[in-house]
């Protein structure tokens, strides 16, 4: 099943991430690999993981999001319409 999987969960399941076995139906007990399940033992990383281009601390991420929010909010109120702010 094409997806982004967490490498550490693959290793914990006893597999080599660089040499994964081919199975007809991954994670459903076929091909002699019934000791793990994709949704239980091998974890997907989520759809947006491909957009990650750097690893930061939570504090750095929160600060960046706060700065972006404040900047967008300020820009919104600089462009008022006769009915009030545009956002």
PDB file of N, CA and C in Angstrom:
ATOM      1  N   UNK A   1       0.859  -1.163   0.000  1.00  0.00           N
ATOM      2  CA  UNK A   1       0.000   0.000   0.000  1.00  0.00           C
ATOM      3  C   UNK A   1       0.906   1.228   0.000  1.00  0.00           C
ATOM      4  N   UNK A   2       0.883   2.039  -1.041  1.00  0.00           N
ATOM      5  CA  UNK A   2       1.739   3.220  -1.067  1.00  0.00           C
ATOM      6  C   UNK A   2       1.345   4.193   0.044  1.00  0.00           C
ATOM      7  N   UNK A   3       2.328   4.603   0.824  1.00  0.00           N
ATOM      8  CA  UNK A   3       2.102   5.562   1.902  1.00  0.00           C
ATOM      9  C   UNK A   3       3.445   5.957   2.477  1.00  0.00           C
ATOM     10  N   UNK A   4       3.420   6.901   3.387  1.00  0.00           N
ATOM     11  CA  UNK A   4       4.604   7.294   4.137  1.00  0.00           C
ATOM     12  C   UNK A   4       4.523   6.618   5.499  1.00  0.00           C
ATOM     13  N   UNK A   5       5.432   5.687   5.747  1.00  0.00           N
ATOM     14  CA  UNK A   5       5.422   4.940   6.998  1.00  0.00           C
ATOM     15  C   UNK A   5       6.563   5.390   7.897  1.00  0.00           C
ATOM     16  N   UNK A   6       6.363   5.286   9.203  1.00  0.00           N
ATOM     17  CA  UNK A   6       7.393   5.638  10.164  1.00  0.00           C
ATOM     18  C   UNK A   6       8.418   4.509  10.235  1.00  0.00           C
ATOM     19  N   UNK A   7       9.643   4.825   9.872  1.00  0.00           N
ATOM     20  CA  UNK A   7      10.709   3.838   9.759  1.00  0.00           C
ATOM     21  C   UNK A   7      10.907   3.053  11.057  1.00  0.00           C
ATOM     22  N   UNK A   8      10.843   3.744  12.193  1.00  0.00           N
ATOM     23  CA  UNK A   8      11.069   3.053  13.467  1.00  0.00           C
ATOM     24  C   UNK A   8      10.013   1.985  13.728  1.00  0.00           C
ATOM     25  N   UNK A   9       8.777   2.213  13.272  1.00  0.00           N
ATOM     26  CA  UNK A   9       7.743   1.192  13.472  1.00  0.00           C
ATOM     27  C   UNK A   9       8.005  -0.024  12.584  1.00  0.00           C
ATOM     28  N   UNK A  10       8.611   0.189  11.428  1.00  0.00           N
ATOM     29  CA  UNK A  10       8.964  -0.923  10.536  1.00  0.00           C
ATOM     30  C   UNK A  10      10.050  -1.772  11.197  1.00  0.00           C
ATOM     31  N   UNK A  11      11.044  -1.108  11.774  1.00  0.00           N
ATOM     32  CA  UNK A  11      12.130  -1.816  12.458  1.00  0.00           C
ATOM     33  C   UNK A  11      11.586  -2.579  13.663  1.00  0.00           C
ATOM     34  N   UNK A  12      10.692  -1.950  14.464  1.00  0.00           N
ATOM     35  CA  UNK A  12      10.106  -2.625  15.628  1.00  0.00           C
ATOM     36  C   UNK A  12       9.326  -3.869  15.229  1.00  0.00           C
ATOM     37  N   UNK A  13       8.775  -3.872  14.017  1.00  0.00           N
ATOM     38  CA  UNK A  13       8.026  -5.036  13.540  1.00  0.00           C
ATOM     39  C   UNK A  13       8.967  -6.146  13.069  1.00  0.00           C
ATOM     40  N   UNK A  14      10.287  -5.891  13.136  1.00  0.00           N
ATOM     41  CA  UNK A  14      11.267  -6.914  12.778  1.00  0.00           C
ATOM     42  C   UNK A  14      11.617  -6.935  11.308  1.00  0.00           C
ATOM     43  N   UNK A  15      11.355  -5.849  10.599  1.00  0.00           N
ATOM     44  CA  UNK A  15      11.648  -5.786   9.170  1.00  0.00           C
ATOM     45  C   UNK A  15      12.795  -4.825   8.894  1.00  0.00           C
ATOM     46  N   UNK A  16      13.457  -5.011   7.761  1.00  0.00           N
ATOM     47  CA  UNK A  16      14.515  -4.120   7.311  1.00  0.00           C
ATOM     48  C   UNK A  16      13.881  -3.116   6.352  1.00  0.00           C
ATOM     49  N   UNK A  17      13.802  -1.830   6.728  1.00  0.00           N
ATOM     50  CA  UNK A  17      13.142  -0.840   5.880  1.00  0.00           C
ATOM     51  C   UNK A  17      13.736  -0.710   4.477  1.00  0.00           C
ATOM     52  N   UNK A  18      15.017  -1.044   4.347  1.00  0.00           N
ATOM     53  CA  UNK A  18      15.675  -0.933   3.043  1.00  0.00           C
ATOM     54  C   UNK A  18      15.468  -2.157   2.165  1.00  0.00           C
ATOM     55  N   UNK A  19      14.946  -3.247   2.737  1.00  0.00           N
ATOM     56  CA  UNK A  19      14.723  -4.484   1.987  1.00  0.00           C
ATOM     57  C   UNK A  19      13.402  -5.106   2.425  1.00  0.00           C
ATOM     58  N   UNK A  20      12.313  -4.433   2.134  1.00  0.00           N
ATOM     59  CA  UNK A  20      11.003  -4.918   2.551  1.00  0.00           C
ATOM     60  C   UNK A  20      10.526  -6.051   1.652  1.00  0.00           C
ATOM     61  N   UNK A  21       9.878  -7.048   2.237  1.00  0.00           N
ATOM     62  CA  UNK A  21       9.376  -8.164   1.438  1.00  0.00           C
ATOM     63  C   UNK A  21       8.175  -7.738   0.600  1.00  0.00           C
ATOM     64  N   UNK A  22       7.994  -8.385  -0.516  1.00  0.00           N
ATOM     65  CA  UNK A  22       6.818  -8.160  -1.351  1.00  0.00           C
ATOM     66  C   UNK A  22       5.704  -9.079  -0.862  1.00  0.00           C
ATOM     67  N   UNK A  23       4.536  -8.520  -0.650  1.00  0.00           N
ATOM     68  CA  UNK A  23       3.380  -9.319  -0.243  1.00  0.00           C
ATOM     69  C   UNK A  23       2.186  -8.885  -1.081  1.00  0.00           C
ATOM     70  N   UNK A  24       1.260  -9.808  -1.323  1.00  0.00           N
ATOM     71  CA  UNK A  24       0.098  -9.500  -2.149  1.00  0.00           C
ATOM     72  C   UNK A  24      -0.821  -8.482  -1.490  1.00  0.00           C
ATOM     73  N   UNK A  25      -1.100  -8.690  -0.219  1.00  0.00           N
ATOM     74  CA  UNK A  25      -1.967  -7.780   0.530  1.00  0.00           C
ATOM     75  C   UNK A  25      -1.244  -7.408   1.815  1.00  0.00           C
ATOM     76  N   UNK A  26      -0.452  -6.331   1.789  1.00  0.00           N
ATOM     77  CA  UNK A  26       0.345  -5.984   2.953  1.00  0.00           C
ATOM     78  C   UNK A  26      -0.494  -5.823   4.211  1.00  0.00           C
ATOM     79  N   UNK A  27       0.020  -6.395   5.304  1.00  0.00           N
ATOM     80  CA  UNK A  27      -0.575  -6.164   6.600  1.00  0.00           C
ATOM     81  C   UNK A  27      -1.803  -6.977   6.924  1.00  0.00           C
ATOM     82  N   UNK A  28      -2.197  -7.903   6.057  1.00  0.00           N
ATOM     83  CA  UNK A  28      -3.389  -8.693   6.354  1.00  0.00           C
ATOM     84  C   UNK A  28      -3.064 -10.170   6.527  1.00  0.00           C
ATOM     85  N   UNK A  29      -1.813 -10.486   6.829  1.00  0.00           N
ATOM     86  CA  UNK A  29      -1.454 -11.862   7.148  1.00  0.00           C
ATOM     87  C   UNK A  29      -1.158 -12.734   5.946  1.00  0.00           C
ATOM     88  N   UNK A  30      -0.787 -12.157   4.810  1.00  0.00           N
ATOM     89  CA  UNK A  30      -0.442 -12.961   3.636  1.00  0.00           C
ATOM     90  C   UNK A  30       1.068 -12.984   3.454  1.00  0.00           C
ATOM     91  N   UNK A  31       1.527 -13.894   2.682  1.00  0.00           N
ATOM     92  CA  UNK A  31       2.950 -13.954   2.360  1.00  0.00           C
ATOM     93  C   UNK A  31       3.835 -14.312   3.540  1.00  0.00           C
ATOM     94  N   UNK A  32       3.268 -14.949   4.572  1.00  0.00           N
ATOM     95  CA  UNK A  32       4.069 -15.324   5.719  1.00  0.00           C
ATOM     96  C   UNK A  32       4.371 -14.175   6.669  1.00  0.00           C
ATOM     97  N   UNK A  33       3.701 -13.047   6.491  1.00  0.00           N
ATOM     98  CA  UNK A  33       3.971 -11.879   7.331  1.00  0.00           C
ATOM     99  C   UNK A  33       2.767 -11.567   8.213  1.00  0.00           C
ATOM    100  N   UNK A  34       2.221 -12.590   8.843  1.00  0.00           N
ATOM    101  CA  UNK A  34       1.039 -12.394   9.666  1.00  0.00           C
ATOM    102  C   UNK A  34       1.391 -11.947  11.086  1.00  0.00           C
ATOM    103  N   UNK A  35       2.671 -11.677  11.343  1.00  0.00           N
ATOM    104  CA  UNK A  35       3.060 -11.235  12.681  1.00  0.00           C
ATOM    105  C   UNK A  35       2.884  -9.724  12.866  1.00  0.00           C
ATOM    106  N   UNK A  36       2.548  -8.981  11.818  1.00  0.00           N
ATOM    107  CA  UNK A  36       2.328  -7.545  11.956  1.00  0.00           C
ATOM    108  C   UNK A  36       1.132  -7.107  11.109  1.00  0.00           C
ATOM    109  N   UNK A  37       0.572  -5.974  11.485  1.00  0.00           N
ATOM    110  CA  UNK A  37      -0.517  -5.357  10.734  1.00  0.00           C
ATOM    111  C   UNK A  37      -0.156  -3.895  10.506  1.00  0.00           C
ATOM    112  N   UNK A  38      -0.377  -3.415   9.289  1.00  0.00           N
ATOM    113  CA  UNK A  38       0.011  -2.048   8.962  1.00  0.00           C
ATOM    114  C   UNK A  38      -0.655  -1.032   9.878  1.00  0.00           C
ATOM    115  N   UNK A  39      -1.908  -1.208  10.170  1.00  0.00           N
ATOM    116  CA  UNK A  39      -2.625  -0.206  10.953  1.00  0.00           C
ATOM    117  C   UNK A  39      -2.353  -0.321  12.447  1.00  0.00           C
ATOM    118  N   UNK A  40      -1.731  -1.426  12.883  1.00  0.00           N
ATOM    119  CA  UNK A  40      -1.492  -1.648  14.306  1.00  0.00           C
ATOM    120  C   UNK A  40      -0.012  -1.561  14.659  1.00  0.00           C
ATOM    121  N   UNK A  41       0.843  -2.249  13.921  1.00  0.00           N
ATOM    122  CA  UNK A  41       2.252  -2.349  14.251  1.00  0.00           C
ATOM    123  C   UNK A  41       3.144  -1.416  13.426  1.00  0.00           C
ATOM    124  N   UNK A  42       2.784  -1.221  12.189  1.00  0.00           N
ATOM    125  CA  UNK A  42       3.553  -0.334  11.315  1.00  0.00           C
ATOM    126  C   UNK A  42       2.685   0.890  11.067  1.00  0.00           C
ATOM    127  N   UNK A  43       3.196   2.037  11.498  1.00  0.00           N
ATOM    128  CA  UNK A  43       2.382   3.254  11.527  1.00  0.00           C
ATOM    129  C   UNK A  43       2.641   4.153  10.327  1.00  0.00           C
ATOM    130  N   UNK A  44       1.559   4.627   9.743  1.00  0.00           N
ATOM    131  CA  UNK A  44       1.667   5.605   8.673  1.00  0.00           C
ATOM    132  C   UNK A  44       1.980   6.973   9.277  1.00  0.00           C
ATOM    133  N   UNK A  45       2.676   7.789   8.512  1.00  0.00           N
ATOM    134  CA  UNK A  45       3.098   9.096   9.007  1.00  0.00           C
ATOM    135  C   UNK A  45       2.067  10.182   8.723  1.00  0.00           C
ATOM    136  N   UNK A  46       1.063   9.911   7.934  1.00  0.00           N
ATOM    137  CA  UNK A  46       0.061  10.921   7.620  1.00  0.00           C
ATOM    138  C   UNK A  46       0.255  11.497   6.234  1.00  0.00           C
ATOM    139  N   UNK A  47      -0.797  12.067   5.702  1.00  0.00           N
ATOM    140  CA  UNK A  47      -0.767  12.565   4.330  1.00  0.00           C
ATOM    141  C   UNK A  47       0.134  13.774   4.143  1.00  0.00           C
ATOM    142  N   UNK A  48       0.266  14.621   5.152  1.00  0.00           N
ATOM    143  CA  UNK A  48       1.038  15.847   5.003  1.00  0.00           C
ATOM    144  C   UNK A  48       2.517  15.723   5.280  1.00  0.00           C
ATOM    145  N   UNK A  49       2.994  14.538   5.612  1.00  0.00           N
ATOM    146  CA  UNK A  49       4.392  14.391   5.995  1.00  0.00           C
ATOM    147  C   UNK A  49       5.340  14.743   4.850  1.00  0.00           C
ATOM    148  N   UNK A  50       4.912  14.595   3.630  1.00  0.00           N
ATOM    149  CA  UNK A  50       5.764  14.936   2.491  1.00  0.00           C
ATOM    150  C   UNK A  50       6.067  16.417   2.392  1.00  0.00           C
ATOM    151  N   UNK A  51       5.297  17.239   3.083  1.00  0.00           N
ATOM    152  CA  UNK A  51       5.519  18.687   3.059  1.00  0.00           C
ATOM    153  C   UNK A  51       6.515  19.155   4.106  1.00  0.00           C
ATOM    154  N   UNK A  52       6.987  18.276   4.951  1.00  0.00           N
ATOM    155  CA  UNK A  52       7.932  18.651   6.002  1.00  0.00           C
ATOM    156  C   UNK A  52       9.318  18.795   5.398  1.00  0.00           C
ATOM    157  N   UNK A  53       9.934  19.962   5.618  1.00  0.00           N
ATOM    158  CA  UNK A  53      11.268  20.170   5.071  1.00  0.00           C
ATOM    159  C   UNK A  53      12.304  20.495   6.145  1.00  0.00           C
ATOM    160  N   UNK A  54      11.879  20.547   7.415  1.00  0.00           N
ATOM    161  CA  UNK A  54      12.825  20.767   8.503  1.00  0.00           C
ATOM    162  C   UNK A  54      12.243  20.228   9.805  1.00  0.00           C
ATOM    163  N   UNK A  55      13.128  19.928  10.740  1.00  0.00           N
ATOM    164  CA  UNK A  55      12.698  19.457  12.053  1.00  0.00           C
ATOM    165  C   UNK A  55      12.985  20.571  13.048  1.00  0.00           C
ATOM    166  N   UNK A  56      11.949  21.003  13.770  1.00  0.00           N
ATOM    167  CA  UNK A  56      12.105  22.072  14.750  1.00  0.00           C
ATOM    168  C   UNK A  56      11.536  21.626  16.090  1.00  0.00           C
ATOM    169  N   UNK A  57      11.791  22.420  17.102  1.00  0.00           N
ATOM    170  CA  UNK A  57      11.203  22.134  18.399  1.00  0.00           C
ATOM    171  C   UNK A  57       9.751  22.599  18.397  1.00  0.00           C
ATOM    172  N   UNK A  58       8.980  22.115  19.341  1.00  0.00           N
ATOM    173  CA  UNK A  58       7.592  22.551  19.465  1.00  0.00           C
ATOM    174  C   UNK A  58       7.549  24.048  19.733  1.00  0.00           C
ATOM    175  N   UNK A  59       8.444  24.534  20.583  1.00  0.00           N
ATOM    176  CA  UNK A  59       8.477  25.962  20.906  1.00  0.00           C
ATOM    177  C   UNK A  59       8.721  26.805  19.655  1.00  0.00           C
ATOM    178  N   UNK A  60       9.644  26.365  18.795  1.00  0.00           N
ATOM    179  CA  UNK A  60       9.914  27.105  17.553  1.00  0.00           C
ATOM    180  C   UNK A  60       8.700  27.080  16.625  1.00  0.00           C
ATOM    181  N   UNK A  61       8.052  25.934  16.532  1.00  0.00           N
ATOM    182  CA  UNK A  61       6.882  25.820  15.674  1.00  0.00           C
ATOM    183  C   UNK A  61       5.741  26.703  16.180  1.00  0.00           C
ATOM    184  N   UNK A  62       5.494  26.680  17.479  1.00  0.00           N
ATOM    185  CA  UNK A  62       4.426  27.509  18.052  1.00  0.00           C
ATOM    186  C   UNK A  62       4.733  28.986  17.831  1.00  0.00           C
ATOM    187  N   UNK A  63       5.984  29.392  18.041  1.00  0.00           N
ATOM    188  CA  UNK A  63       6.369  30.786  17.827  1.00  0.00           C
ATOM    189  C   UNK A  63       6.160  31.190  16.373  1.00  0.00           C
ATOM    190  N   UNK A  64       6.533  30.310  15.439  1.00  0.00           N
ATOM    191  CA  UNK A  64       6.337  30.616  14.012  1.00  0.00           C
ATOM    192  C   UNK A  64       4.860  30.745  13.670  1.00  0.00           C
ATOM    193  N   UNK A  65       4.045  29.818  14.160  1.00  0.00           N
ATOM    194  CA  UNK A  65       2.603  29.889  13.895  1.00  0.00           C
ATOM    195  C   UNK A  65       1.991  31.158  14.488  1.00  0.00           C
ATOM    196  N   UNK A  66       2.432  31.518  15.692  1.00  0.00           N
ATOM    197  CA  UNK A  66       1.920  32.737  16.327  1.00  0.00           C
ATOM    198  C   UNK A  66       2.313  33.970  15.509  1.00  0.00           C
ATOM    199  N   UNK A  67       3.566  34.027  15.068  1.00  0.00           N
ATOM    200  CA  UNK A  67       4.020  35.153  14.238  1.00  0.00           C
ATOM    201  C   UNK A  67       3.221  35.242  12.941  1.00  0.00           C
ATOM    202  N   UNK A  68       2.998  34.099  12.287  1.00  0.00           N
ATOM    203  CA  UNK A  68       2.228  34.089  11.038  1.00  0.00           C
ATOM    204  C   UNK A  68       0.792  34.542  11.289  1.00  0.00           C
ATOM    205  N   UNK A  69       0.193  34.055  12.371  1.00  0.00           N
ATOM    206  CA  UNK A  69      -1.181  34.440  12.706  1.00  0.00           C
ATOM    207  C   UNK A  69      -1.268  35.948  12.945  1.00  0.00           C
ATOM    208  N   UNK A  70      -0.363  36.477  13.778  1.00  0.00           N
ATOM    209  CA  UNK A  70      -0.394  37.905  14.088  1.00  0.00           C
ATOM    210  C   UNK A  70      -0.174  38.747  12.826  1.00  0.00           C
ATOM    211  N   UNK A  71       0.746  38.314  11.966  1.00  0.00           N
ATOM    212  CA  UNK A  71       0.996  39.042  10.720  1.00  0.00           C
ATOM    213  C   UNK A  71      -0.204  39.021   9.797  1.00  0.00           C
ATOM    214  N   UNK A  72      -0.832  37.860   9.643  1.00  0.00           N
ATOM    215  CA  UNK A  72      -2.017  37.752   8.782  1.00  0.00           C
ATOM    216  C   UNK A  72      -3.178  38.558   9.347  1.00  0.00           C
ATOM    217  N   UNK A  73      -3.335  38.507  10.662  1.00  0.00           N
ATOM    218  CA  UNK A  73      -4.433  39.241  11.312  1.00  0.00           C
ATOM    219  C   UNK A  73      -4.236  40.748  11.136  1.00  0.00           C
ATOM    220  N   UNK A  74      -3.001  41.221  11.332  1.00  0.00           N
ATOM    221  CA  UNK A  74      -2.710  42.642  11.166  1.00  0.00           C
ATOM    222  C   UNK A  74      -2.962  43.074   9.718  1.00  0.00           C
ATOM    223  N   UNK A  75      -2.546  42.245   8.758  1.00  0.00           N
ATOM    224  CA  UNK A  75      -2.766  42.569   7.347  1.00  0.00           C
ATOM    225  C   UNK A  75      -4.251  42.628   7.036  1.00  0.00           C
ATOM    226  N   UNK A  76      -5.009  41.760   7.645  1.00  0.00           N
ATOM    227  CA  UNK A  76      -6.450  41.719   7.431  1.00  0.00           C
ATOM    228  C   UNK A  76      -7.093  43.033   7.859  1.00  0.00           C
ATOM    229  N   UNK A  77      -6.698  43.544   8.998  1.00  0.00           N
ATOM    230  CA  UNK A  77      -7.311  44.758   9.515  1.00  0.00           C
ATOM    231  C   UNK A  77      -6.779  46.017   8.843  1.00  0.00           C
ATOM    232  N   UNK A  78      -5.701  45.904   8.077  1.00  0.00           N
ATOM    233  CA  UNK A  78      -5.210  47.056   7.297  1.00  0.00           C
ATOM    234  C   UNK A  78      -6.001  47.229   6.009  1.00  0.00           C
ATOM    235  N   UNK A  79      -6.812  46.221   5.631  1.00  0.00           N
ATOM    236  CA  UNK A  79      -7.581  46.275   4.382  1.00  0.00           C
ATOM    237  C   UNK A  79      -9.075  46.288   4.685  1.00  0.00           C
ATOM    238  N   UNK A  80      -9.541  47.225   5.489  1.00  0.00           N
ATOM    239  CA  UNK A  80     -10.973  47.208   5.815  1.00  0.00           C
ATOM    240  C   UNK A  80     -11.836  47.576   4.619  1.00  0.00           C
ATOM    241  N   UNK A  81     -13.047  47.134   4.665  1.00  0.00           N
ATOM    242  CA  UNK A  81     -14.057  47.506   3.672  1.00  0.00           C
ATOM    243  C   UNK A  81     -15.080  48.368   4.373  1.00  0.00           C
ATOM    244  N   UNK A  82     -16.008  48.979   3.652  1.00  0.00           N
ATOM    245  CA  UNK A  82     -17.036  49.779   4.320  1.00  0.00           C
ATOM    246  C   UNK A  82     -17.824  48.970   5.356  1.00  0.00           C
ATOM    247  N   UNK A  83     -17.904  47.655   5.165  1.00  0.00           N
ATOM    248  CA  UNK A  83     -18.647  46.810   6.097  1.00  0.00           C
ATOM    249  C   UNK A  83     -17.784  46.357   7.276  1.00  0.00           C
ATOM    250  N   UNK A  84     -16.508  46.702   7.270  1.00  0.00           N
ATOM    251  CA  UNK A  84     -15.613  46.277   8.344  1.00  0.00           C
ATOM    252  C   UNK A  84     -14.421  45.521   7.791  1.00  0.00           C
ATOM    253  N   UNK A  85     -13.693  44.820   8.659  1.00  0.00           N
ATOM    254  CA  UNK A  85     -12.505  44.075   8.195  1.00  0.00           C
ATOM    255  C   UNK A  85     -12.884  43.025   7.146  1.00  0.00           C
ATOM    256  N   UNK A  86     -11.918  42.698   6.306  1.00  0.00           N
ATOM    257  CA  UNK A  86     -12.172  41.726   5.235  1.00  0.00           C
ATOM    258  C   UNK A  86     -12.030  40.296   5.701  1.00  0.00           C
ATOM    259  N   UNK A  87     -11.706  40.073   6.943  1.00  0.00           N
ATOM    260  CA  UNK A  87     -11.562  38.689   7.421  1.00  0.00           C
ATOM    261  C   UNK A  87     -12.187  38.516   8.784  1.00  0.00           C
TER     262      UNK A  87
END
